[in-house]
Amino acid sequence: MAEYVRVCAQSELPQPGHLLEYTAGGRVLCVANVEGAICVLDGICPHEGGPLGEGTIEDGRVVCPWHAYAFDVHTGEAKDDPEVKADILRARVVNGELHVML
């Protein structure tokens, strides 16, 4: 059964326009701050396993550092390949901590 799991303190969240990699509940996560909105994706690129949390943010997409696949932070869809999609996780900040649904 899915449940919310603590990822980090709110003070540890990335600044706007940046992303960071975290591990929670045995999963690698990519936490992105897109214009102040915190978005969480599976941290492993579905294209070839690259570390999304080490990538960049461009036009509301997380860009994988390995092959530049760009994933929409709201839908997970790859910009140039609709067959490839990153998992988007529900996230919330509660009592100064980021939690994600795993």
N, C-alpha and C. Protein backbone atom coordinates (compact mmCIF):
# COMPACT_ATOMS: atom_id res chain seq x y z
N MET A 1 0.84 -1.18 0.00
CA MET A 1 0.00 0.00 0.00
C MET A 1 0.89 1.25 0.00
N ALA A 2 0.54 2.21 -0.81
CA ALA A 2 1.32 3.44 -0.93
C ALA A 2 1.14 4.30 0.32
N GLU A 3 2.23 4.97 0.71
CA GLU A 3 2.18 5.87 1.85
C GLU A 3 3.18 6.99 1.64
N TYR A 4 2.97 8.09 2.35
CA TYR A 4 3.91 9.21 2.28
C TYR A 4 5.15 8.89 3.11
N VAL A 5 6.32 9.19 2.53
CA VAL A 5 7.61 8.93 3.17
C VAL A 5 8.39 10.24 3.19
N ARG A 6 9.08 10.50 4.30
CA ARG A 6 9.89 11.70 4.44
C ARG A 6 11.08 11.63 3.49
N VAL A 7 11.34 12.76 2.81
CA VAL A 7 12.48 12.86 1.91
C VAL A 7 13.56 13.75 2.51
N CYS A 8 13.19 14.96 2.94
CA CYS A 8 14.16 15.90 3.48
C CYS A 8 13.44 17.02 4.21
N ALA A 9 14.22 17.84 4.90
CA ALA A 9 13.67 19.03 5.54
C ALA A 9 13.39 20.08 4.46
N GLN A 10 12.42 20.92 4.70
CA GLN A 10 12.08 21.98 3.75
C GLN A 10 13.29 22.87 3.47
N SER A 11 14.14 23.07 4.47
CA SER A 11 15.33 23.90 4.31
C SER A 11 16.35 23.27 3.37
N GLU A 12 16.22 21.98 3.08
CA GLU A 12 17.15 21.27 2.19
C GLU A 12 16.66 21.19 0.75
N LEU A 13 15.49 21.76 0.47
CA LEU A 13 14.94 21.72 -0.88
C LEU A 13 15.79 22.56 -1.83
N PRO A 14 15.82 22.18 -3.11
CA PRO A 14 16.59 22.98 -4.07
C PRO A 14 15.98 24.37 -4.26
N GLN A 15 16.83 25.30 -4.61
CA GLN A 15 16.40 26.66 -4.92
C GLN A 15 15.67 26.66 -6.26
N PRO A 16 14.84 27.69 -6.54
CA PRO A 16 14.15 27.76 -7.83
C PRO A 16 15.12 27.62 -9.00
N GLY A 17 14.73 26.80 -9.96
CA GLY A 17 15.55 26.57 -11.14
C GLY A 17 16.59 25.48 -10.98
N HIS A 18 16.58 24.81 -9.82
CA HIS A 18 17.57 23.77 -9.55
C HIS A 18 16.88 22.47 -9.14
N LEU A 19 17.65 21.41 -9.13
CA LEU A 19 17.15 20.11 -8.68
C LEU A 19 18.23 19.39 -7.90
N LEU A 20 17.79 18.43 -7.10
CA LEU A 20 18.70 17.63 -6.27
C LEU A 20 18.24 16.18 -6.28
N GLU A 21 19.17 15.30 -5.96
CA GLU A 21 18.87 13.88 -5.87
C GLU A 21 18.79 13.47 -4.40
N TYR A 22 17.76 12.72 -4.06
CA TYR A 22 17.58 12.19 -2.71
C TYR A 22 17.23 10.71 -2.82
N THR A 23 17.39 10.00 -1.71
CA THR A 23 16.95 8.61 -1.62
C THR A 23 15.95 8.53 -0.48
N ALA A 24 14.81 7.89 -0.75
CA ALA A 24 13.77 7.71 0.28
C ALA A 24 13.03 6.43 -0.02
N GLY A 25 12.76 5.66 1.01
CA GLY A 25 12.01 4.42 0.82
C GLY A 25 12.68 3.48 -0.16
N GLY A 26 14.00 3.52 -0.24
CA GLY A 26 14.72 2.65 -1.15
C GLY A 26 14.71 3.10 -2.60
N ARG A 27 14.19 4.28 -2.88
CA ARG A 27 14.13 4.79 -4.25
C ARG A 27 14.97 6.05 -4.40
N VAL A 28 15.56 6.21 -5.57
CA VAL A 28 16.27 7.43 -5.91
C VAL A 28 15.24 8.40 -6.47
N LEU A 29 15.26 9.63 -5.97
CA LEU A 29 14.29 10.64 -6.38
C LEU A 29 14.98 11.88 -6.92
N CYS A 30 14.34 12.51 -7.86
CA CYS A 30 14.77 13.79 -8.40
C CYS A 30 13.77 14.83 -7.90
N VAL A 31 14.25 15.76 -7.08
CA VAL A 31 13.40 16.82 -6.53
C VAL A 31 13.76 18.11 -7.26
N ALA A 32 12.78 18.66 -7.97
CA ALA A 32 13.00 19.85 -8.79
C ALA A 32 12.19 21.02 -8.24
N ASN A 33 12.78 22.20 -8.29
CA ASN A 33 12.08 23.41 -7.91
C ASN A 33 11.87 24.21 -9.19
N VAL A 34 10.64 24.19 -9.69
CA VAL A 34 10.31 24.86 -10.95
C VAL A 34 9.48 26.10 -10.61
N GLU A 35 10.15 27.25 -10.64
CA GLU A 35 9.50 28.53 -10.34
C GLU A 35 8.81 28.50 -8.99
N GLY A 36 9.44 27.87 -8.00
CA GLY A 36 8.90 27.81 -6.65
C GLY A 36 8.03 26.61 -6.35
N ALA A 37 7.64 25.86 -7.37
CA ALA A 37 6.84 24.65 -7.17
C ALA A 37 7.78 23.44 -7.06
N ILE A 38 7.59 22.64 -6.02
CA ILE A 38 8.40 21.45 -5.82
C ILE A 38 7.75 20.28 -6.56
N CYS A 39 8.52 19.66 -7.45
CA CYS A 39 8.06 18.52 -8.24
C CYS A 39 9.02 17.37 -8.00
N VAL A 40 8.49 16.16 -7.88
CA VAL A 40 9.32 15.00 -7.61
C VAL A 40 9.09 13.95 -8.69
N LEU A 41 10.19 13.51 -9.29
CA LEU A 41 10.18 12.46 -10.31
C LEU A 41 11.02 11.30 -9.81
N ASP A 42 10.78 10.12 -10.39
CA ASP A 42 11.69 9.01 -10.15
C ASP A 42 13.06 9.50 -10.58
N GLY A 43 14.08 9.23 -9.80
CA GLY A 43 15.41 9.76 -10.08
C GLY A 43 16.20 9.03 -11.14
N ILE A 44 15.66 7.91 -11.64
CA ILE A 44 16.35 7.12 -12.67
C ILE A 44 15.68 7.38 -14.01
N CYS A 45 16.44 7.88 -14.96
CA CYS A 45 15.89 8.18 -16.28
C CYS A 45 15.37 6.91 -16.94
N PRO A 46 14.13 6.92 -17.43
CA PRO A 46 13.58 5.74 -18.08
C PRO A 46 14.19 5.44 -19.45
N HIS A 47 14.95 6.37 -19.99
CA HIS A 47 15.58 6.15 -21.29
C HIS A 47 16.72 5.14 -21.16
N GLU A 48 17.74 5.48 -20.35
CA GLU A 48 18.87 4.55 -20.19
C GLU A 48 19.46 4.58 -18.79
N GLY A 49 18.66 4.96 -17.79
CA GLY A 49 19.08 4.85 -16.41
C GLY A 49 19.95 5.97 -15.87
N GLY A 50 19.99 7.09 -16.54
CA GLY A 50 20.79 8.22 -16.08
C GLY A 50 20.25 8.83 -14.80
N PRO A 51 21.07 9.60 -14.10
CA PRO A 51 20.68 10.23 -12.83
C PRO A 51 19.96 11.56 -13.05
N LEU A 52 18.64 11.55 -13.08
CA LEU A 52 17.89 12.78 -13.34
C LEU A 52 18.21 13.89 -12.34
N GLY A 53 18.49 13.54 -11.09
CA GLY A 53 18.79 14.52 -10.07
C GLY A 53 20.10 15.26 -10.29
N GLU A 54 20.90 14.81 -11.24
CA GLU A 54 22.15 15.49 -11.58
C GLU A 54 22.01 16.30 -12.87
N GLY A 55 20.78 16.38 -13.38
CA GLY A 55 20.54 17.10 -14.62
C GLY A 55 20.26 18.58 -14.39
N THR A 56 19.48 19.15 -15.30
CA THR A 56 19.13 20.56 -15.23
C THR A 56 17.63 20.72 -15.45
N ILE A 57 17.14 21.94 -15.26
CA ILE A 57 15.75 22.28 -15.55
C ILE A 57 15.75 23.27 -16.70
N GLU A 58 14.95 22.94 -17.74
CA GLU A 58 14.80 23.84 -18.88
C GLU A 58 13.35 23.85 -19.32
N ASP A 59 12.74 25.02 -19.35
CA ASP A 59 11.35 25.17 -19.82
C ASP A 59 10.39 24.21 -19.12
N GLY A 60 10.49 24.09 -17.80
CA GLY A 60 9.58 23.24 -17.05
C GLY A 60 9.83 21.75 -17.22
N ARG A 61 11.02 21.40 -17.68
CA ARG A 61 11.37 19.99 -17.88
C ARG A 61 12.69 19.68 -17.17
N VAL A 62 12.78 18.46 -16.64
CA VAL A 62 14.04 17.97 -16.10
C VAL A 62 14.79 17.32 -17.24
N VAL A 63 16.03 17.74 -17.45
CA VAL A 63 16.84 17.24 -18.56
C VAL A 63 17.91 16.30 -18.01
N CYS A 64 17.90 15.07 -18.50
CA CYS A 64 18.86 14.06 -18.06
C CYS A 64 20.27 14.44 -18.54
N PRO A 65 21.27 14.32 -17.65
CA PRO A 65 22.63 14.70 -18.04
C PRO A 65 23.29 13.72 -19.01
N TRP A 66 22.76 12.52 -19.17
CA TRP A 66 23.39 11.54 -20.06
C TRP A 66 23.07 11.77 -21.53
N HIS A 67 21.78 11.85 -21.89
CA HIS A 67 21.40 11.94 -23.30
C HIS A 67 20.44 13.08 -23.59
N ALA A 68 20.28 13.99 -22.64
CA ALA A 68 19.45 15.19 -22.80
C ALA A 68 17.97 14.91 -23.03
N TYR A 69 17.47 13.74 -22.58
CA TYR A 69 16.03 13.53 -22.61
C TYR A 69 15.42 14.51 -21.62
N ALA A 70 14.34 15.20 -22.04
CA ALA A 70 13.71 16.23 -21.22
C ALA A 70 12.31 15.79 -20.84
N PHE A 71 12.03 15.73 -19.53
CA PHE A 71 10.76 15.22 -19.01
C PHE A 71 9.95 16.32 -18.35
N ASP A 72 8.69 16.46 -18.78
CA ASP A 72 7.78 17.43 -18.19
C ASP A 72 7.60 17.10 -16.71
N VAL A 73 7.75 18.09 -15.83
CA VAL A 73 7.68 17.82 -14.39
C VAL A 73 6.27 17.54 -13.89
N HIS A 74 5.26 17.79 -14.71
CA HIS A 74 3.88 17.53 -14.30
C HIS A 74 3.32 16.24 -14.88
N THR A 75 3.75 15.88 -16.09
CA THR A 75 3.21 14.67 -16.73
C THR A 75 4.22 13.54 -16.85
N GLY A 76 5.51 13.87 -16.79
CA GLY A 76 6.56 12.87 -16.95
C GLY A 76 6.89 12.56 -18.39
N GLU A 77 6.15 13.13 -19.33
CA GLU A 77 6.35 12.83 -20.75
C GLU A 77 7.66 13.41 -21.27
N ALA A 78 8.36 12.60 -22.07
CA ALA A 78 9.59 13.06 -22.70
C ALA A 78 9.23 14.00 -23.84
N LYS A 79 9.98 15.08 -23.97
CA LYS A 79 9.70 16.10 -24.98
C LYS A 79 9.70 15.54 -26.39
N ASP A 80 10.69 14.75 -26.74
CA ASP A 80 10.84 14.29 -28.13
C ASP A 80 10.55 12.81 -28.33
N ASP A 81 10.04 12.12 -27.30
CA ASP A 81 9.78 10.69 -27.43
C ASP A 81 8.60 10.29 -26.54
N PRO A 82 7.38 10.33 -27.08
CA PRO A 82 6.19 10.05 -26.27
C PRO A 82 6.14 8.62 -25.72
N GLU A 83 6.99 7.75 -26.21
CA GLU A 83 7.03 6.38 -25.71
C GLU A 83 7.78 6.27 -24.38
N VAL A 84 8.56 7.30 -24.03
CA VAL A 84 9.36 7.28 -22.81
C VAL A 84 8.74 8.27 -21.82
N LYS A 85 8.51 7.80 -20.60
CA LYS A 85 7.85 8.63 -19.59
C LYS A 85 8.47 8.39 -18.22
N ALA A 86 8.80 9.46 -17.50
CA ALA A 86 9.33 9.37 -16.13
C ALA A 86 8.15 9.32 -15.16
N ASP A 87 8.31 8.57 -14.08
CA ASP A 87 7.28 8.52 -13.04
C ASP A 87 7.27 9.81 -12.25
N ILE A 88 6.08 10.39 -12.07
CA ILE A 88 5.89 11.58 -11.25
C ILE A 88 5.30 11.11 -9.92
N LEU A 89 5.84 11.61 -8.83
CA LEU A 89 5.38 11.20 -7.50
C LEU A 89 4.65 12.35 -6.81
N ARG A 90 3.60 12.03 -6.08
CA ARG A 90 2.90 13.04 -5.30
C ARG A 90 3.80 13.50 -4.18
N ALA A 91 3.83 14.81 -3.97
CA ALA A 91 4.69 15.38 -2.93
C ALA A 91 3.91 16.42 -2.15
N ARG A 92 4.30 16.57 -0.89
CA ARG A 92 3.70 17.60 -0.05
C ARG A 92 4.71 18.01 1.01
N VAL A 93 4.60 19.25 1.46
CA VAL A 93 5.43 19.74 2.55
C VAL A 93 4.53 19.80 3.78
N VAL A 94 4.94 19.07 4.83
CA VAL A 94 4.18 19.00 6.07
C VAL A 94 5.13 19.27 7.23
N ASN A 95 4.77 20.22 8.08
CA ASN A 95 5.58 20.52 9.27
C ASN A 95 7.06 20.71 8.93
N GLY A 96 7.33 21.42 7.82
CA GLY A 96 8.71 21.72 7.46
C GLY A 96 9.48 20.58 6.85
N GLU A 97 8.79 19.54 6.37
CA GLU A 97 9.47 18.40 5.73
C GLU A 97 8.77 18.04 4.42
N LEU A 98 9.57 17.64 3.44
CA LEU A 98 9.03 17.14 2.17
C LEU A 98 8.72 15.66 2.32
N HIS A 99 7.52 15.28 1.93
CA HIS A 99 7.09 13.87 1.93
C HIS A 99 6.62 13.51 0.52
N VAL A 100 6.89 12.28 0.08
CA VAL A 100 6.40 11.80 -1.21
C VAL A 100 5.63 10.51 -1.02
N MET A 101 4.68 10.30 -1.92
CA MET A 101 3.88 9.07 -1.89
C MET A 101 4.66 7.97 -2.61
N LEU A 102 4.99 6.91 -1.88
CA LEU A 102 5.68 5.76 -2.47
C LEU A 102 4.83 4.52 -2.32
